[in-house]
């Protein structure tokens, strides 16, 4: 009987092994038929493996978006720089025989081509941003650009990139009458387009904010943890909090240069009629005008005389109020006393009051002794005695006031020390509670081991 039972057991184990081998072969054939790669299997089970692959994919999409942001920044900056050079060439109205005229035309074509490439890259940039959001599970896999809130900013940005100086409008003039000069002047159409093209600077600032520490995957995760939105305004607030003076200085200098160039474009046509009076066609004069305007000084030695120039100065006035207000708030915040500095100041005030209290007490003793000795020996006249008594009363009043101030500082320090001691006691109680909990956990583990269970999970499963 024992031999037959052993033979049946061996035969059943062999049958089970053969069945398992057949099942494994079927799984391998099915995987080969569906062409499932190890990477796909890893992606499908990334959550069970700790979600590591999702983090790597998100980081890859973020770097792709960041690369497209930098490429758009380069093309945007290149277009602005070329338009500045071309503006000076077209303003001079070079003759047809001058070879610089061909250079001006080629620069216009270069601005046109770079802007077309920038428009294409901008669309791709927004698509990269959407892919990054999808990898972070912030958007559904099937969402497109028109399903999000990014479609309107994208259309506005593309419209801004379309307004550029064109080769087709080269040399075309727009006449206007200036009442201050009492004569007509004119703009070139490309000069007005170059003025509007300055709006591109906003997207240069956006890229600079993107390249900071405060705009990355980690920032997105932390902001989601604390239920706040991680956008460009959050980056600006973070920079103003961590490095306020550097951020404000860079913003102020860049705004002065940008709006100085804009005022120069607006006011320079008047120099064709009269270049001697109030010449804002010179860049240094335009910069000075912006400086005294954005700082709300306004000397009035240089002022705009065209409608476009006055519109630019209006924007500068609004920005000047904002920049000066932020500077004042930043200065006030930097001058606030921290809690540790407050403790140090309180201790030093107590020391100073203690020294003053000793001085007032010594003065009271000296004046009392003088009054007593003078009254006893009769060396003081009535007037001198009266003056000494008045001085002694005033010294006693000062001593009482100093003593009250010293006691008040002691009470404040005692209150702070009491609060600190209470927190220390709560910390000790919490630490003791954690130690007791660890002891209970160790005791439970020993009980589970004695009962034959490996850990708490086995008990839960039972």
Protein backbone atom coordinates (compact mmCIF):
# COMPACT_ATOMS: atom_id res chain seq x y z
CA UNK A 1 0.00 0.00 0.00
CA UNK A 2 2.76 2.39 0.82
CA UNK A 3 4.46 1.74 -2.52
CA UNK A 4 1.25 2.31 -4.46
CA UNK A 5 0.55 5.56 -2.56
CA UNK A 6 4.07 6.86 -3.22
CA UNK A 7 3.74 6.03 -6.93
CA UNK A 8 0.42 7.85 -7.20
CA UNK A 9 1.89 10.90 -5.41
CA UNK A 10 4.89 11.01 -7.75
CA UNK A 11 2.63 10.64 -10.81
CA UNK A 12 0.37 13.53 -9.64
CA UNK A 13 3.35 15.81 -8.99
CA UNK A 14 4.69 15.06 -12.49
CA UNK A 15 1.28 15.88 -13.97
CA UNK A 16 1.18 19.20 -12.07
CA UNK A 17 4.67 20.13 -13.30
CA UNK A 18 3.72 19.29 -16.89
CA UNK A 19 0.55 21.41 -16.60
CA UNK A 20 2.52 24.39 -15.25
CA UNK A 21 5.09 24.05 -18.02
CA UNK A 22 2.33 24.05 -20.66
CA UNK A 23 0.73 27.17 -19.11
CA UNK A 24 4.09 29.00 -19.12
CA UNK A 25 4.68 28.04 -22.77
CA UNK A 26 1.24 29.37 -23.69
CA UNK A 27 1.96 32.69 -21.92
CA UNK A 28 5.28 33.03 -23.77
CA UNK A 29 3.62 32.28 -27.14
CA UNK A 30 0.85 34.80 -26.39
CA UNK A 31 3.41 37.47 -25.47
CA UNK A 32 5.32 36.80 -28.69
CA UNK A 33 2.13 37.04 -30.74
CA UNK A 34 1.15 40.36 -29.17
CA UNK A 35 4.77 41.61 -29.31
CA UNK A 36 4.77 42.75 -25.68
CA UNK A 37 8.14 44.23 -24.70
CA UNK A 38 9.68 44.24 -21.26
CA UNK A 39 9.35 48.03 -21.20
CA UNK A 40 5.59 47.78 -21.75
CA UNK A 41 5.27 45.16 -19.02
CA UNK A 42 7.29 47.41 -16.70
CA UNK A 43 5.10 50.42 -17.57
CA UNK A 44 1.93 48.38 -16.97
CA UNK A 45 3.17 47.36 -13.51
CA UNK A 46 4.95 50.61 -12.59
CA UNK A 47 2.54 51.39 -9.78
CA UNK A 48 3.19 47.99 -8.16
CA UNK A 49 6.91 48.60 -8.57
CA UNK A 50 6.74 51.90 -6.69
CA UNK A 51 5.83 54.27 -9.52
CA UNK A 52 9.48 54.84 -10.43
CA UNK A 53 8.91 54.69 -14.17
CA UNK A 54 6.15 57.33 -14.01
CA UNK A 55 8.57 59.75 -12.36
CA UNK A 56 11.18 59.13 -15.05
CA UNK A 57 8.64 59.62 -17.84
CA UNK A 58 7.37 62.85 -16.25
CA UNK A 59 10.90 64.14 -15.94
CA UNK A 60 11.58 63.30 -19.58
CA UNK A 61 8.50 65.20 -20.77
CA UNK A 62 9.39 68.15 -18.55
CA UNK A 63 12.89 68.37 -20.05
CA UNK A 64 11.34 68.19 -23.51
CA UNK A 65 9.04 71.10 -22.66
CA UNK A 66 11.94 73.03 -21.13
CA UNK A 67 14.03 72.51 -24.28
CA UNK A 68 11.22 73.84 -26.47
CA UNK A 69 10.86 76.84 -24.16
CA UNK A 70 14.54 77.65 -24.57
CA UNK A 71 14.39 77.23 -28.37
CA UNK A 72 11.43 79.64 -28.55
CA UNK A 73 13.35 82.06 -26.33
CA UNK A 74 16.33 81.98 -28.70
CA UNK A 75 14.22 82.65 -31.81
CA UNK A 76 12.22 85.35 -30.05
CA UNK A 77 15.35 87.13 -28.86
CA UNK A 78 16.96 86.84 -32.28
CA UNK A 79 13.93 88.39 -33.98
CA UNK A 80 13.89 91.31 -31.54
CA UNK A 81 17.61 91.96 -31.96
CA UNK A 82 17.42 91.93 -35.77
CA UNK A 83 14.41 94.28 -35.74
CA UNK A 84 16.37 96.80 -33.61
CA UNK A 85 19.21 96.83 -36.16
CA UNK A 86 16.81 97.05 -39.10
CA UNK A 87 14.88 99.94 -37.51
CA UNK A 88 17.95 102.19 -37.51
CA UNK A 89 18.70 101.31 -41.13
CA UNK A 90 15.16 102.06 -42.32
CA UNK A 91 14.92 105.29 -40.33
CA UNK A 92 17.93 106.72 -42.16
CA UNK A 93 16.07 106.26 -45.50
CA UNK A 94 19.08 104.94 -47.36
CA UNK A 95 19.18 105.66 -51.08
CA UNK A 96 18.70 102.94 -53.66
CA UNK A 97 22.38 102.99 -54.65
CA UNK A 98 23.61 102.40 -51.10
CA UNK A 99 24.43 98.69 -50.46
CA UNK A 100 23.05 99.07 -46.88
CA UNK A 101 19.56 99.15 -48.36
CA UNK A 102 19.92 95.52 -49.44
CA UNK A 103 21.10 94.64 -45.94
CA UNK A 104 17.98 96.27 -44.49
CA UNK A 105 15.79 94.23 -46.83
CA UNK A 106 17.59 90.99 -45.98
CA UNK A 107 17.18 91.72 -42.28
CA UNK A 108 13.42 92.11 -42.82
CA UNK A 109 13.30 88.73 -44.55
CA UNK A 110 15.32 87.23 -41.71
CA UNK A 111 12.83 88.60 -39.16
CA UNK A 112 9.99 87.17 -41.25
CA UNK A 113 11.52 83.69 -41.50
CA UNK A 114 12.50 83.56 -37.82
CA UNK A 115 8.98 84.61 -36.83
CA UNK A 116 7.43 81.89 -38.98
CA UNK A 117 9.69 79.32 -37.33
CA UNK A 118 8.85 80.79 -33.93
CA UNK A 119 5.11 80.37 -34.59
CA UNK A 120 5.61 76.71 -35.50
CA UNK A 121 7.83 76.09 -32.47
CA UNK A 122 5.35 77.81 -30.17
CA UNK A 123 2.59 75.41 -31.21
CA UNK A 124 4.97 72.52 -30.57
CA UNK A 125 5.89 74.06 -27.19
CA UNK A 126 2.25 74.09 -26.07
CA UNK A 127 1.90 70.49 -27.26
CA UNK A 128 4.96 69.53 -25.20
CA UNK A 129 3.40 71.25 -22.19
CA UNK A 130 0.21 69.22 -22.64
CA UNK A 131 2.21 65.99 -22.87
CA UNK A 132 3.98 66.93 -19.65
CA UNK A 133 0.64 67.54 -17.93
CA UNK A 134 -0.65 64.18 -19.20
CA UNK A 135 2.40 62.40 -17.80
CA UNK A 136 1.65 63.99 -14.42
CA UNK A 137 -1.97 62.73 -14.63
CA UNK A 138 -3.19 66.35 -14.54
CA UNK A 139 -5.02 65.85 -17.84
CA UNK A 140 -6.86 62.98 -19.46
CA UNK A 141 -4.90 60.98 -22.07
CA UNK A 142 -7.30 62.01 -24.86
CA UNK A 143 -7.31 65.76 -24.12
CA UNK A 144 -6.14 68.16 -26.82
CA UNK A 145 -5.16 71.83 -26.76
CA UNK A 146 -8.74 72.99 -27.32
CA UNK A 147 -9.91 70.95 -24.32
CA UNK A 148 -7.69 72.97 -21.96
CA UNK A 149 -7.40 76.60 -20.89
CA UNK A 150 -4.19 77.01 -22.90
CA UNK A 151 -5.83 77.56 -26.28
CA UNK A 152 -6.59 81.27 -25.70
CA UNK A 153 -3.07 82.17 -24.42
CA UNK A 154 -1.62 80.26 -27.37
CA UNK A 155 -3.73 82.21 -29.88
CA UNK A 156 -2.76 85.52 -28.23
CA UNK A 157 0.92 84.57 -28.31
CA UNK A 158 0.73 83.55 -31.97
CA UNK A 159 -1.02 86.84 -32.80
CA UNK A 160 1.76 88.80 -31.07
CA UNK A 161 4.40 86.89 -33.04
CA UNK A 162 2.61 87.74 -36.30
CA UNK A 163 3.03 91.51 -35.83
CA UNK A 164 6.52 92.18 -37.23
CA UNK A 165 8.22 94.58 -39.67
CA UNK A 166 7.64 93.14 -43.14
CA UNK A 167 9.59 93.38 -46.41
CA UNK A 168 6.31 94.18 -48.17
CA UNK A 169 5.70 97.34 -46.10
CA UNK A 170 9.23 98.73 -46.37
CA UNK A 171 9.26 102.46 -47.14
CA UNK A 172 5.50 102.99 -46.67
CA UNK A 173 4.76 106.12 -44.62
CA UNK A 174 1.94 107.17 -42.29
CA UNK A 175 1.62 110.98 -42.00
CA UNK A 176 0.32 112.74 -38.89
CA UNK A 177 0.06 116.34 -37.69
CA UNK A 178 1.92 117.36 -34.53
CA UNK A 179 0.30 120.32 -32.79
CA UNK A 180 3.35 121.15 -30.66
CA UNK A 181 5.65 121.56 -33.65
CA UNK A 182 2.86 122.92 -35.79
CA UNK A 183 3.91 120.75 -38.72
CA UNK A 184 3.41 117.34 -40.25
CA UNK A 185 5.62 114.34 -39.55
CA UNK A 186 5.47 110.73 -40.56
CA UNK A 187 6.16 107.20 -39.34
CA UNK A 188 7.23 104.31 -41.44
CA UNK A 189 4.78 101.42 -41.15
CA UNK A 190 7.64 99.17 -40.10
CA UNK A 191 8.46 101.59 -37.26
CA UNK A 192 4.96 101.17 -35.84
CA UNK A 193 5.20 97.39 -36.30
CA UNK A 194 8.58 97.38 -34.53
CA UNK A 195 6.98 99.30 -31.64
CA UNK A 196 4.21 96.69 -31.30
CA UNK A 197 6.78 93.91 -31.64
CA UNK A 198 8.25 94.96 -28.28
CA UNK A 199 5.31 93.14 -26.64
CA UNK A 200 7.28 89.95 -27.31
CA UNK A 201 9.42 90.81 -24.28
CA UNK A 202 6.66 89.43 -22.04
CA UNK A 203 7.41 85.92 -23.30
CA UNK A 204 11.13 86.43 -22.69
CA UNK A 205 10.28 87.11 -19.03
CA UNK A 206 8.13 83.98 -19.01
CA UNK A 207 11.05 81.84 -20.16
CA UNK A 208 13.34 83.34 -17.52
CA UNK A 209 10.77 82.41 -14.86
CA UNK A 210 10.57 78.88 -16.26
CA UNK A 211 14.34 78.41 -15.97
CA UNK A 212 14.40 79.16 -12.25
CA UNK A 213 14.40 76.67 -9.38
CA UNK A 214 10.75 77.42 -8.65
CA UNK A 215 9.35 75.86 -11.84
CA UNK A 216 9.97 72.12 -12.12
CA UNK A 217 8.47 68.73 -11.29
CA UNK A 218 9.29 69.02 -7.61
CA UNK A 219 7.53 72.38 -7.41
CA UNK A 220 4.42 70.90 -9.03
CA UNK A 221 4.33 68.04 -6.52
CA UNK A 222 4.81 70.29 -3.50
CA UNK A 223 2.15 72.73 -4.68
CA UNK A 224 -0.29 69.89 -5.23
CA UNK A 225 0.49 68.67 -1.73
CA UNK A 226 -0.44 72.05 -0.24
CA UNK A 227 -3.38 72.65 -2.65
CA UNK A 228 -1.93 75.73 -4.36
CA UNK A 229 -1.46 76.43 -8.04
CA UNK A 230 2.07 76.27 -9.43
CA UNK A 231 2.10 78.90 -12.18
CA UNK A 232 4.25 81.81 -13.26
CA UNK A 233 2.75 84.08 -10.60
CA UNK A 234 3.86 81.56 -7.95
CA UNK A 235 7.40 81.71 -9.40
CA UNK A 236 7.38 85.52 -9.29
CA UNK A 237 6.18 85.51 -5.67
CA UNK A 238 8.87 83.00 -4.72
CA UNK A 239 11.60 85.14 -6.31
CA UNK A 240 10.33 88.29 -4.58
CA UNK A 241 10.42 86.44 -1.26
CA UNK A 242 13.80 84.74 -1.60
CA UNK A 243 15.78 87.37 -3.56
CA UNK A 244 13.65 90.54 -3.62
CA UNK A 245 16.31 93.17 -4.31
CA UNK A 246 17.95 91.20 -7.13
CA UNK A 247 14.61 90.48 -8.83
CA UNK A 248 13.42 94.08 -8.54
CA UNK A 249 16.74 95.47 -9.77
CA UNK A 250 16.72 93.24 -12.86
CA UNK A 251 13.08 94.10 -13.58
CA UNK A 252 13.71 97.83 -13.15
CA UNK A 253 16.78 97.96 -15.40
CA UNK A 254 15.14 95.89 -18.14
CA UNK A 255 11.96 98.00 -18.06
CA UNK A 256 13.98 101.22 -18.35
CA UNK A 257 15.85 99.94 -21.42
CA UNK A 258 12.75 98.51 -23.12
CA UNK A 259 10.53 101.55 -22.64
CA UNK A 260 13.42 103.89 -23.46
CA UNK A 261 13.66 102.19 -26.85
CA UNK A 262 9.87 102.45 -27.27
CA UNK A 263 9.86 106.20 -26.50
CA UNK A 264 12.71 106.68 -28.97
CA UNK A 265 10.66 105.03 -31.73
CA UNK A 266 7.63 107.20 -30.91
CA UNK A 267 9.45 110.54 -30.69
CA UNK A 268 12.22 110.15 -33.25
CA UNK A 269 10.11 111.17 -36.30
CA UNK A 270 9.87 114.71 -34.86
CA UNK A 271 13.66 114.97 -35.17
CA UNK A 272 13.27 115.02 -38.94
CA UNK A 273 11.68 118.49 -38.61
CA UNK A 274 13.58 119.87 -35.60
CA UNK A 275 16.43 117.96 -33.93
CA UNK A 276 17.45 120.74 -31.53
CA UNK A 277 14.54 121.06 -29.08
CA UNK A 278 13.52 118.27 -26.66
CA UNK A 279 15.21 115.59 -28.73
CA UNK A 280 13.98 112.22 -27.44
CA UNK A 281 15.28 110.64 -30.62
CA UNK A 282 18.57 110.16 -28.78
CA UNK A 283 18.55 106.94 -26.78
CA UNK A 284 20.26 108.47 -23.73
CA UNK A 285 17.60 111.21 -23.51
CA UNK A 286 14.84 108.61 -23.82
CA UNK A 287 16.41 106.57 -21.02
CA UNK A 288 16.59 109.63 -18.77
CA UNK A 289 12.94 110.40 -19.50
CA UNK A 290 11.93 106.86 -18.49
CA UNK A 291 14.08 106.97 -15.32
CA UNK A 292 12.52 110.19 -14.00
CA UNK A 293 9.06 108.92 -14.96
CA UNK A 294 9.21 105.39 -13.55
CA UNK A 295 10.60 106.72 -10.26
CA UNK A 296 7.72 109.27 -10.10
CA UNK A 297 10.15 112.22 -10.04
CA UNK A 298 9.25 113.95 -13.33
CA UNK A 299 11.66 116.88 -13.76
CA UNK A 300 10.03 117.90 -17.04
CA UNK A 301 13.31 118.58 -18.87
CA UNK A 302 12.31 115.91 -21.43
CA UNK A 303 8.72 115.11 -22.28
CA UNK A 304 6.88 113.28 -25.04
CA UNK A 305 5.13 115.26 -27.78
CA UNK A 306 3.39 112.56 -29.81
CA UNK A 307 0.26 110.56 -29.04
CA UNK A 308 2.11 107.25 -29.22
CA UNK A 309 4.80 108.59 -26.91
CA UNK A 310 2.22 109.76 -24.39
CA UNK A 311 0.56 106.33 -24.46
CA UNK A 312 3.91 104.66 -23.72
CA UNK A 313 4.57 107.10 -20.87
CA UNK A 314 1.14 106.34 -19.43
CA UNK A 315 2.08 102.65 -19.24
CA UNK A 316 5.42 103.63 -17.67
CA UNK A 317 3.61 105.68 -15.00
CA UNK A 318 1.42 102.72 -14.03
CA UNK A 319 4.42 100.38 -13.89
CA UNK A 320 6.37 102.99 -11.94
CA UNK A 321 3.70 103.11 -9.22
CA UNK A 322 3.74 99.31 -9.05
CA UNK A 323 7.55 99.00 -8.93
CA UNK A 324 7.98 101.73 -6.30
CA UNK A 325 5.20 100.22 -4.18
CA UNK A 326 6.79 96.77 -4.30
CA UNK A 327 10.17 98.28 -3.37
CA UNK A 328 8.66 100.04 -0.34
CA UNK A 329 6.90 96.86 0.80
CA UNK A 330 10.11 94.86 0.31
CA UNK A 331 12.08 97.38 2.36
CA UNK A 332 9.52 97.30 5.17
CA UNK A 333 9.52 93.49 5.21
CA UNK A 334 13.31 93.38 5.34
CA UNK A 335 13.33 95.78 8.31
CA UNK A 336 10.91 93.70 10.35
CA UNK A 337 12.39 92.09 13.47
CA UNK A 338 12.39 88.31 13.57
CA UNK A 339 11.47 86.36 16.69
CA UNK A 340 15.09 85.57 17.56
CA UNK A 341 16.13 89.17 16.98
CA UNK A 342 13.21 90.23 19.20
CA UNK A 343 14.48 88.03 22.04
CA UNK A 344 17.98 89.49 21.66
CA UNK A 345 16.67 93.06 21.65
CA UNK A 346 14.54 92.36 24.76
CA UNK A 347 17.54 91.01 26.65
CA UNK A 348 19.69 93.99 25.67
CA UNK A 349 16.91 96.41 26.68
CA UNK A 350 16.72 94.73 30.07
CA UNK A 351 20.48 95.13 30.51
CA UNK A 352 20.30 98.81 29.55
CA UNK A 353 17.36 99.43 31.90
CA UNK A 354 19.19 97.63 34.71
CA UNK A 355 22.19 99.94 34.27
CA UNK A 356 19.90 102.97 34.15
CA UNK A 357 18.09 101.76 37.28
CA UNK A 358 21.42 101.48 39.14
CA UNK A 359 22.34 105.00 38.07
CA UNK A 360 18.97 106.44 39.21
CA UNK A 361 19.19 104.58 42.55
CA UNK A 362 22.70 105.89 43.18
CA UNK A 363 21.57 109.42 42.32
CA UNK A 364 18.64 109.16 44.76
CA UNK A 365 20.98 108.03 47.56
CA UNK A 366 23.46 110.86 46.84
CA UNK A 367 20.77 113.57 46.75
CA UNK A 368 19.15 112.23 49.94
CA UNK A 369 22.51 112.27 51.73
CA UNK A 370 23.24 115.83 50.56
CA UNK A 371 19.84 117.06 51.73
CA UNK A 372 20.21 115.35 55.12
CA UNK A 373 23.75 116.60 55.75
CA UNK A 374 22.91 120.12 54.61
CA UNK A 375 19.85 120.26 56.80
CA UNK A 376 21.81 118.90 59.78
CA UNK A 377 24.85 121.14 59.40
CA UNK A 378 22.92 124.17 58.25
CA UNK A 379 25.26 124.74 55.28
CA UNK A 380 22.42 125.09 52.75
CA UNK A 381 20.27 128.13 52.31
CA UNK A 382 16.53 127.80 52.02
CA UNK A 383 16.66 128.26 48.25
CA UNK A 384 19.39 125.64 47.81
CA UNK A 385 17.53 123.25 50.06
CA UNK A 386 14.35 123.74 48.04
CA UNK A 387 16.18 123.13 44.75
CA UNK A 388 17.76 119.99 46.16
CA UNK A 389 14.36 118.66 47.30
CA UNK A 390 12.83 119.35 43.84
CA UNK A 391 15.71 117.56 42.12
CA UNK A 392 15.35 114.62 44.52
CA UNK A 393 11.62 114.33 43.74
CA UNK A 394 12.31 114.33 39.99
CA UNK A 395 14.99 111.68 40.45
CA UNK A 396 12.57 109.51 42.44
CA UNK A 397 10.00 109.82 39.62
CA UNK A 398 12.61 108.77 37.06
CA UNK A 399 13.63 105.85 39.27
CA UNK A 400 10.00 104.64 39.51
CA UNK A 401 9.50 104.89 35.76
CA UNK A 402 12.72 103.01 35.04
CA UNK A 403 11.80 100.34 37.59
CA UNK A 404 8.36 99.93 35.97
CA UNK A 405 9.90 99.60 32.49
CA UNK A 406 12.39 97.03 33.75
CA UNK A 407 9.61 95.00 35.38
CA UNK A 408 7.54 95.13 32.17
CA UNK A 409 10.46 93.75 30.16
CA UNK A 410 10.91 91.02 32.77
CA UNK A 411 7.23 90.09 32.49
CA UNK A 412 7.45 89.95 28.68
CA UNK A 413 10.51 87.74 28.84
CA UNK A 414 8.85 85.55 31.48
CA UNK A 415 5.82 85.10 29.22
CA UNK A 416 8.01 84.09 26.30
CA UNK A 417 9.95 81.70 28.49
CA UNK A 418 6.68 80.25 29.81
CA UNK A 419 5.41 79.62 26.27
CA UNK A 420 8.73 78.04 25.32
CA UNK A 421 8.65 75.83 28.41
CA UNK A 422 5.10 74.71 27.61
CA UNK A 423 6.14 73.70 24.11
CA UNK A 424 9.11 71.83 25.55
CA UNK A 425 6.81 69.95 27.93
CA UNK A 426 4.45 69.05 25.09
CA UNK A 427 7.41 67.84 23.05
CA UNK A 428 8.59 65.63 25.92
CA UNK A 429 5.08 64.20 26.40
CA UNK A 430 4.84 63.41 22.69
CA UNK A 431 8.25 61.75 22.79
CA UNK A 432 7.24 59.59 25.75
CA UNK A 433 4.02 58.63 23.95
CA UNK A 434 5.99 57.55 20.88
CA UNK A 435 8.32 55.47 23.05
CA UNK A 436 5.35 53.72 24.67
CA UNK A 437 3.88 53.04 21.25
CA UNK A 438 7.14 51.47 20.10
CA UNK A 439 7.15 49.24 23.20
CA UNK A 440 3.56 48.14 22.47
CA UNK A 441 4.43 47.38 18.85
CA UNK A 442 7.43 45.27 19.95
CA UNK A 443 5.27 43.40 22.47
CA UNK A 444 2.62 42.70 19.82
CA UNK A 445 5.26 41.38 17.42
CA UNK A 446 6.54 39.01 20.09
CA UNK A 447 3.00 37.76 20.74
CA UNK A 448 2.43 37.20 17.00
CA UNK A 449 5.67 35.27 16.72
CA UNK A 450 4.74 33.04 19.67
CA UNK A 451 1.34 32.39 18.09
CA UNK A 452 3.01 31.37 14.84
CA UNK A 453 2.23 34.47 12.74
CA UNK A 454 4.94 36.31 10.84
CA UNK A 455 3.56 39.86 11.07
CA UNK A 456 0.40 41.91 11.43
CA UNK A 457 -0.59 41.38 7.79
CA UNK A 458 -1.06 37.65 8.33
CA UNK A 459 -3.46 38.36 11.20
CA UNK A 460 -5.42 40.78 9.06
CA UNK A 461 -5.65 38.24 6.25
CA UNK A 462 -6.97 35.60 8.69
